[in-house]
């Protein structure tokens, strides 16, 4: 029995968050070819976070206060 895309989307959105994440990874993998495992993705994000921390600590980049960032985003999103 064939299901419409809307039915599949509705079913997918009712899944628990972990299952939705797994489904998202699988769907992206079908488009992109090689996609890392959740464990590998976690390692990559940890390495990225460590790199960003070092850049902040060493003065390579300058942080922006969260309040300022959110104010800029709100201004951009207002109609």
PDB file of N, CA and C in Angstrom:
ATOM      1  N   UNK A   1       0.845  -1.178   0.000  1.00  0.00           N
ATOM      2  CA  UNK A   1       0.000   0.000   0.000  1.00  0.00           C
ATOM      3  C   UNK A   1       0.893   1.244   0.000  1.00  0.00           C
ATOM      4  N   UNK A   2       0.667   2.124  -0.944  1.00  0.00           N
ATOM      5  CA  UNK A   2       1.463   3.350  -1.048  1.00  0.00           C
ATOM      6  C   UNK A   2       0.907   4.406  -0.100  1.00  0.00           C
ATOM      7  N   UNK A   3       1.815   5.154   0.489  1.00  0.00           N
ATOM      8  CA  UNK A   3       1.432   6.236   1.390  1.00  0.00           C
ATOM      9  C   UNK A   3       1.831   7.560   0.761  1.00  0.00           C
ATOM     10  N   UNK A   4       1.043   8.575   1.025  1.00  0.00           N
ATOM     11  CA  UNK A   4       1.396   9.897   0.519  1.00  0.00           C
ATOM     12  C   UNK A   4       2.523  10.477   1.363  1.00  0.00           C
ATOM     13  N   UNK A   5       3.223  11.442   0.798  1.00  0.00           N
ATOM     14  CA  UNK A   5       4.297  12.100   1.531  1.00  0.00           C
ATOM     15  C   UNK A   5       3.762  12.730   2.809  1.00  0.00           C
ATOM     16  N   UNK A   6       2.590  13.325   2.753  1.00  0.00           N
ATOM     17  CA  UNK A   6       2.003  13.955   3.941  1.00  0.00           C
ATOM     18  C   UNK A   6       1.769  12.925   5.047  1.00  0.00           C
ATOM     19  N   UNK A   7       1.305  11.724   4.674  1.00  0.00           N
ATOM     20  CA  UNK A   7       1.086  10.670   5.672  1.00  0.00           C
ATOM     21  C   UNK A   7       2.407  10.221   6.294  1.00  0.00           C
ATOM     22  N   UNK A   8       3.417  10.084   5.461  1.00  0.00           N
ATOM     23  CA  UNK A   8       4.733   9.674   5.966  1.00  0.00           C
ATOM     24  C   UNK A   8       5.294  10.739   6.895  1.00  0.00           C
ATOM     25  N   UNK A   9       5.165  12.012   6.506  1.00  0.00           N
ATOM     26  CA  UNK A   9       5.635  13.109   7.365  1.00  0.00           C
ATOM     27  C   UNK A   9       4.913  13.100   8.705  1.00  0.00           C
ATOM     28  N   UNK A  10       3.595  12.941   8.673  1.00  0.00           N
ATOM     29  CA  UNK A  10       2.815  12.907   9.918  1.00  0.00           C
ATOM     30  C   UNK A  10       3.272  11.761  10.820  1.00  0.00           C
ATOM     31  N   UNK A  11       3.463  10.582  10.214  1.00  0.00           N
ATOM     32  CA  UNK A  11       3.930   9.430  10.993  1.00  0.00           C
ATOM     33  C   UNK A  11       5.313   9.703  11.583  1.00  0.00           C
ATOM     34  N   UNK A  12       6.201  10.261  10.776  1.00  0.00           N
ATOM     35  CA  UNK A  12       7.569  10.525  11.236  1.00  0.00           C
ATOM     36  C   UNK A  12       7.580  11.526  12.384  1.00  0.00           C
ATOM     37  N   UNK A  13       6.738  12.537  12.315  1.00  0.00           N
ATOM     38  CA  UNK A  13       6.706  13.562  13.362  1.00  0.00           C
ATOM     39  C   UNK A  13       6.141  13.042  14.680  1.00  0.00           C
ATOM     40  N   UNK A  14       5.446  11.911  14.634  1.00  0.00           N
ATOM     41  CA  UNK A  14       4.928  11.311  15.864  1.00  0.00           C
ATOM     42  C   UNK A  14       5.948  10.382  16.530  1.00  0.00           C
ATOM     43  N   UNK A  15       7.060  10.141  15.862  1.00  0.00           N
ATOM     44  CA  UNK A  15       8.101   9.285  16.445  1.00  0.00           C
ATOM     45  C   UNK A  15       8.774   9.983  17.618  1.00  0.00           C
ATOM     46  N   UNK A  16       9.349   9.212  18.530  1.00  0.00           N
ATOM     47  CA  UNK A  16      10.137   9.814  19.615  1.00  0.00           C
ATOM     48  C   UNK A  16      11.353  10.546  19.020  1.00  0.00           C
ATOM     49  N   UNK A  17      11.872  11.548  19.724  1.00  0.00           N
ATOM     50  CA  UNK A  17      12.988  12.340  19.198  1.00  0.00           C
ATOM     51  C   UNK A  17      14.180  11.510  18.714  1.00  0.00           C
ATOM     52  N   UNK A  18      14.573  10.486  19.458  1.00  0.00           N
ATOM     53  CA  UNK A  18      15.725   9.674  19.039  1.00  0.00           C
ATOM     54  C   UNK A  18      15.460   8.966  17.718  1.00  0.00           C
ATOM     55  N   UNK A  19      14.244   8.477  17.532  1.00  0.00           N
ATOM     56  CA  UNK A  19      13.897   7.805  16.280  1.00  0.00           C
ATOM     57  C   UNK A  19      13.847   8.803  15.127  1.00  0.00           C
ATOM     58  N   UNK A  20      13.331  10.007  15.393  1.00  0.00           N
ATOM     59  CA  UNK A  20      13.314  11.042  14.345  1.00  0.00           C
ATOM     60  C   UNK A  20      14.731  11.404  13.923  1.00  0.00           C
ATOM     61  N   UNK A  21      15.633  11.508  14.900  1.00  0.00           N
ATOM     62  CA  UNK A  21      17.031  11.834  14.586  1.00  0.00           C
ATOM     63  C   UNK A  21      17.659  10.729  13.737  1.00  0.00           C
ATOM     64  N   UNK A  22      17.396   9.489  14.117  1.00  0.00           N
ATOM     65  CA  UNK A  22      17.947   8.362  13.348  1.00  0.00           C
ATOM     66  C   UNK A  22      17.399   8.361  11.926  1.00  0.00           C
ATOM     67  N   UNK A  23      16.108   8.605  11.791  1.00  0.00           N
ATOM     68  CA  UNK A  23      15.490   8.666  10.473  1.00  0.00           C
ATOM     69  C   UNK A  23      16.086   9.802   9.650  1.00  0.00           C
ATOM     70  N   UNK A  24      16.299  10.949  10.283  1.00  0.00           N
ATOM     71  CA  UNK A  24      16.886  12.095   9.578  1.00  0.00           C
ATOM     72  C   UNK A  24      18.277  11.755   9.057  1.00  0.00           C
ATOM     73  N   UNK A  25      19.077  11.091   9.878  1.00  0.00           N
ATOM     74  CA  UNK A  25      20.427  10.701   9.452  1.00  0.00           C
ATOM     75  C   UNK A  25      20.346   9.751   8.262  1.00  0.00           C
ATOM     76  N   UNK A  26      19.434   8.794   8.328  1.00  0.00           N
ATOM     77  CA  UNK A  26      19.297   7.832   7.233  1.00  0.00           C
ATOM     78  C   UNK A  26      18.828   8.516   5.950  1.00  0.00           C
ATOM     79  N   UNK A  27      17.890   9.443   6.072  1.00  0.00           N
ATOM     80  CA  UNK A  27      17.410  10.145   4.885  1.00  0.00           C
ATOM     81  C   UNK A  27      18.511  11.002   4.268  1.00  0.00           C
ATOM     82  N   UNK A  28      19.263  11.705   5.110  1.00  0.00           N
ATOM     83  CA  UNK A  28      20.379  12.501   4.597  1.00  0.00           C
ATOM     84  C   UNK A  28      21.427  11.616   3.940  1.00  0.00           C
ATOM     85  N   UNK A  29      21.683  10.467   4.529  1.00  0.00           N
ATOM     86  CA  UNK A  29      22.663   9.542   3.954  1.00  0.00           C
ATOM     87  C   UNK A  29      22.231   9.098   2.564  1.00  0.00           C
ATOM     88  N   UNK A  30      20.931   8.941   2.369  1.00  0.00           N
ATOM     89  CA  UNK A  30      20.451   8.515   1.059  1.00  0.00           C
ATOM     90  C   UNK A  30      20.657   9.597   0.005  1.00  0.00           C
ATOM     91  N   UNK A  31      20.777  10.851   0.433  1.00  0.00           N
ATOM     92  CA  UNK A  31      21.013  11.957  -0.493  1.00  0.00           C
ATOM     93  C   UNK A  31      22.495  12.252  -0.678  1.00  0.00           C
ATOM     94  N   UNK A  32      23.250  12.122   0.386  1.00  0.00           N
ATOM     95  CA  UNK A  32      24.640  12.561   0.385  1.00  0.00           C
ATOM     96  C   UNK A  32      25.647  11.438   0.220  1.00  0.00           C
ATOM     97  N   UNK A  33      25.224  10.216   0.290  1.00  0.00           N
ATOM     98  CA  UNK A  33      26.194   9.140   0.225  1.00  0.00           C
ATOM     99  C   UNK A  33      26.694   8.797   1.609  1.00  0.00           C
ATOM    100  N   UNK A  34      27.966   9.046   1.865  1.00  0.00           N
ATOM    101  CA  UNK A  34      28.572   8.690   3.146  1.00  0.00           C
ATOM    102  C   UNK A  34      28.212   9.699   4.222  1.00  0.00           C
ATOM    103  N   UNK A  35      27.570   9.226   5.260  1.00  0.00           N
ATOM    104  CA  UNK A  35      27.269  10.043   6.434  1.00  0.00           C
ATOM    105  C   UNK A  35      27.817   9.297   7.640  1.00  0.00           C
ATOM    106  N   UNK A  36      28.465  10.037   8.517  1.00  0.00           N
ATOM    107  CA  UNK A  36      29.078   9.425   9.685  1.00  0.00           C
ATOM    108  C   UNK A  36      28.019   8.874  10.634  1.00  0.00           C
ATOM    109  N   UNK A  37      28.448   7.938  11.456  1.00  0.00           N
ATOM    110  CA  UNK A  37      27.585   7.378  12.490  1.00  0.00           C
ATOM    111  C   UNK A  37      27.330   8.448  13.545  1.00  0.00           C
ATOM    112  N   UNK A  38      26.291   8.273  14.362  1.00  0.00           N
ATOM    113  CA  UNK A  38      26.053   9.241  15.441  1.00  0.00           C
ATOM    114  C   UNK A  38      27.272   9.418  16.346  1.00  0.00           C
ATOM    115  N   UNK A  39      27.999   8.331  16.581  1.00  0.00           N
ATOM    116  CA  UNK A  39      29.199   8.434  17.419  1.00  0.00           C
ATOM    117  C   UNK A  39      30.262   9.293  16.750  1.00  0.00           C
ATOM    118  N   UNK A  40      30.446   9.103  15.440  1.00  0.00           N
ATOM    119  CA  UNK A  40      31.438   9.888  14.702  1.00  0.00           C
ATOM    120  C   UNK A  40      31.014  11.355  14.638  1.00  0.00           C
ATOM    121  N   UNK A  41      29.729  11.594  14.461  1.00  0.00           N
ATOM    122  CA  UNK A  41      29.229  12.972  14.445  1.00  0.00           C
ATOM    123  C   UNK A  41      29.507  13.634  15.786  1.00  0.00           C
ATOM    124  N   UNK A  42      29.288  12.899  16.879  1.00  0.00           N
ATOM    125  CA  UNK A  42      29.561  13.446  18.209  1.00  0.00           C
ATOM    126  C   UNK A  42      31.038  13.804  18.358  1.00  0.00           C
ATOM    127  N   UNK A  43      31.932  12.934  17.872  1.00  0.00           N
ATOM    128  CA  UNK A  43      33.373  13.219  17.931  1.00  0.00           C
ATOM    129  C   UNK A  43      33.720  14.466  17.123  1.00  0.00           C
ATOM    130  N   UNK A  44      33.116  14.582  15.943  1.00  0.00           N
ATOM    131  CA  UNK A  44      33.388  15.742  15.090  1.00  0.00           C
ATOM    132  C   UNK A  44      32.919  17.033  15.752  1.00  0.00           C
ATOM    133  N   UNK A  45      31.733  17.008  16.377  1.00  0.00           N
ATOM    134  CA  UNK A  45      31.235  18.205  17.059  1.00  0.00           C
ATOM    135  C   UNK A  45      32.097  18.555  18.266  1.00  0.00           C
ATOM    136  N   UNK A  46      32.569  17.543  18.987  1.00  0.00           N
ATOM    137  CA  UNK A  46      33.452  17.798  20.120  1.00  0.00           C
ATOM    138  C   UNK A  46      34.742  18.463  19.645  1.00  0.00           C
ATOM    139  N   UNK A  47      35.308  17.958  18.555  1.00  0.00           N
ATOM    140  CA  UNK A  47      36.527  18.562  18.004  1.00  0.00           C
ATOM    141  C   UNK A  47      36.263  20.003  17.578  1.00  0.00           C
ATOM    142  N   UNK A  48      35.106  20.249  16.982  1.00  0.00           N
ATOM    143  CA  UNK A  48      34.750  21.613  16.561  1.00  0.00           C
ATOM    144  C   UNK A  48      34.600  22.526  17.769  1.00  0.00           C
ATOM    145  N   UNK A  49      33.934  22.041  18.814  1.00  0.00           N
ATOM    146  CA  UNK A  49      33.758  22.849  20.027  1.00  0.00           C
ATOM    147  C   UNK A  49      35.106  23.167  20.665  1.00  0.00           C
ATOM    148  N   UNK A  50      35.995  22.182  20.694  1.00  0.00           N
ATOM    149  CA  UNK A  50      37.327  22.416  21.262  1.00  0.00           C
ATOM    150  C   UNK A  50      38.102  23.438  20.436  1.00  0.00           C
ATOM    151  N   UNK A  51      38.003  23.356  19.106  1.00  0.00           N
ATOM    152  CA  UNK A  51      38.677  24.319  18.231  1.00  0.00           C
ATOM    153  C   UNK A  51      38.154  25.729  18.486  1.00  0.00           C
ATOM    154  N   UNK A  52      36.842  25.862  18.574  1.00  0.00           N
ATOM    155  CA  UNK A  52      36.252  27.181  18.818  1.00  0.00           C
ATOM    156  C   UNK A  52      36.663  27.729  20.182  1.00  0.00           C
ATOM    157  N   UNK A  53      36.706  26.856  21.188  1.00  0.00           N
ATOM    158  CA  UNK A  53      37.131  27.292  22.519  1.00  0.00           C
ATOM    159  C   UNK A  53      38.565  27.805  22.479  1.00  0.00           C
ATOM    160  N   UNK A  54      39.453  27.065  21.808  1.00  0.00           N
ATOM    161  CA  UNK A  54      40.855  27.500  21.706  1.00  0.00           C
ATOM    162  C   UNK A  54      40.960  28.855  21.015  1.00  0.00           C
ATOM    163  N   UNK A  55      40.177  29.049  19.951  1.00  0.00           N
ATOM    164  CA  UNK A  55      40.207  30.331  19.243  1.00  0.00           C
ATOM    165  C   UNK A  55      39.758  31.470  20.149  1.00  0.00           C
ATOM    166  N   UNK A  56      38.721  31.245  20.944  1.00  0.00           N
ATOM    167  CA  UNK A  56      38.273  32.269  21.896  1.00  0.00           C
ATOM    168  C   UNK A  56      39.334  32.525  22.958  1.00  0.00           C
ATOM    169  N   UNK A  57      39.852  31.457  23.534  1.00  0.00           N
ATOM    170  CA  UNK A  57      40.851  31.562  24.596  1.00  0.00           C
ATOM    171  C   UNK A  57      42.114  32.275  24.115  1.00  0.00           C
ATOM    172  N   UNK A  58      42.527  31.987  22.879  1.00  0.00           N
ATOM    173  CA  UNK A  58      43.768  32.545  22.351  1.00  0.00           C
ATOM    174  C   UNK A  58      43.585  33.908  21.698  1.00  0.00           C
ATOM    175  N   UNK A  59      42.348  34.420  21.689  1.00  0.00           N
ATOM    176  CA  UNK A  59      42.101  35.741  21.125  1.00  0.00           C
ATOM    177  C   UNK A  59      42.048  35.778  19.607  1.00  0.00           C
ATOM    178  N   UNK A  60      41.938  34.618  18.979  1.00  0.00           N
ATOM    179  CA  UNK A  60      41.844  34.559  17.521  1.00  0.00           C
ATOM    180  C   UNK A  60      40.506  35.135  17.061  1.00  0.00           C
ATOM    181  N   UNK A  61      39.464  34.863  17.827  1.00  0.00           N
ATOM    182  CA  UNK A  61      38.134  35.402  17.539  1.00  0.00           C
ATOM    183  C   UNK A  61      37.607  36.068  18.801  1.00  0.00           C
ATOM    184  N   UNK A  62      36.618  36.912  18.620  1.00  0.00           N
ATOM    185  CA  UNK A  62      36.012  37.603  19.755  1.00  0.00           C
ATOM    186  C   UNK A  62      34.552  37.189  19.866  1.00  0.00           C
ATOM    187  N   UNK A  63      34.138  36.860  21.072  1.00  0.00           N
ATOM    188  CA  UNK A  63      32.754  36.463  21.288  1.00  0.00           C
ATOM    189  C   UNK A  63      31.806  37.648  21.219  1.00  0.00           C
ATOM    190  N   UNK A  64      30.558  37.345  20.957  1.00  0.00           N
ATOM    191  CA  UNK A  64      29.500  38.354  20.934  1.00  0.00           C
ATOM    192  C   UNK A  64      28.513  37.968  22.027  1.00  0.00           C
ATOM    193  N   UNK A  65      28.150  38.897  22.908  1.00  0.00           N
ATOM    194  CA  UNK A  65      27.198  38.568  23.972  1.00  0.00           C
ATOM    195  C   UNK A  65      25.890  38.011  23.395  1.00  0.00           C
ATOM    196  N   UNK A  66      25.356  36.990  24.051  1.00  0.00           N
ATOM    197  CA  UNK A  66      24.142  36.332  23.568  1.00  0.00           C
ATOM    198  C   UNK A  66      22.995  37.315  23.394  1.00  0.00           C
ATOM    199  N   UNK A  67      22.837  38.245  24.333  1.00  0.00           N
ATOM    200  CA  UNK A  67      21.756  39.223  24.221  1.00  0.00           C
ATOM    201  C   UNK A  67      21.840  40.029  22.944  1.00  0.00           C
ATOM    202  N   UNK A  68      23.057  40.383  22.560  1.00  0.00           N
ATOM    203  CA  UNK A  68      23.253  41.138  21.319  1.00  0.00           C
ATOM    204  C   UNK A  68      22.914  40.285  20.096  1.00  0.00           C
ATOM    205  N   UNK A  69      23.336  39.035  20.115  1.00  0.00           N
ATOM    206  CA  UNK A  69      23.047  38.127  19.002  1.00  0.00           C
ATOM    207  C   UNK A  69      21.540  37.946  18.842  1.00  0.00           C
ATOM    208  N   UNK A  70      20.849  37.692  19.963  1.00  0.00           N
ATOM    209  CA  UNK A  70      19.405  37.483  19.887  1.00  0.00           C
ATOM    210  C   UNK A  70      18.679  38.749  19.456  1.00  0.00           C
ATOM    211  N   UNK A  71      19.135  39.906  19.891  1.00  0.00           N
ATOM    212  CA  UNK A  71      18.521  41.169  19.471  1.00  0.00           C
ATOM    213  C   UNK A  71      18.670  41.348  17.964  1.00  0.00           C
ATOM    214  N   UNK A  72      19.845  41.027  17.429  1.00  0.00           N
ATOM    215  CA  UNK A  72      20.058  41.134  15.984  1.00  0.00           C
ATOM    216  C   UNK A  72      19.147  40.173  15.227  1.00  0.00           C
ATOM    217  N   UNK A  73      19.019  38.953  15.740  1.00  0.00           N
ATOM    218  CA  UNK A  73      18.148  37.973  15.087  1.00  0.00           C
ATOM    219  C   UNK A  73      16.689  38.409  15.119  1.00  0.00           C
ATOM    220  N   UNK A  74      16.246  38.910  16.272  1.00  0.00           N
ATOM    221  CA  UNK A  74      14.855  39.384  16.367  1.00  0.00           C
ATOM    222  C   UNK A  74      14.602  40.502  15.368  1.00  0.00           C
ATOM    223  N   UNK A  75      15.558  41.418  15.248  1.00  0.00           N
ATOM    224  CA  UNK A  75      15.406  42.538  14.314  1.00  0.00           C
ATOM    225  C   UNK A  75      15.313  42.035  12.874  1.00  0.00           C
ATOM    226  N   UNK A  76      16.092  41.020  12.539  1.00  0.00           N
ATOM    227  CA  UNK A  76      16.070  40.474  11.177  1.00  0.00           C
ATOM    228  C   UNK A  76      14.781  39.710  10.892  1.00  0.00           C
ATOM    229  N   UNK A  77      14.216  39.084  11.916  1.00  0.00           N
ATOM    230  CA  UNK A  77      13.038  38.245  11.714  1.00  0.00           C
ATOM    231  C   UNK A  77      11.723  39.009  11.772  1.00  0.00           C
ATOM    232  N   UNK A  78      11.766  40.226  12.269  1.00  0.00           N
ATOM    233  CA  UNK A  78      10.529  41.015  12.337  1.00  0.00           C
ATOM    234  C   UNK A  78      10.099  41.412  10.935  1.00  0.00           C
ATOM    235  N   UNK A  79       8.781  41.344  10.696  1.00  0.00           N
ATOM    236  CA  UNK A  79       8.276  41.726   9.358  1.00  0.00           C
ATOM    237  C   UNK A  79       8.388  43.206   9.096  1.00  0.00           C
TER     238      UNK A  79
END
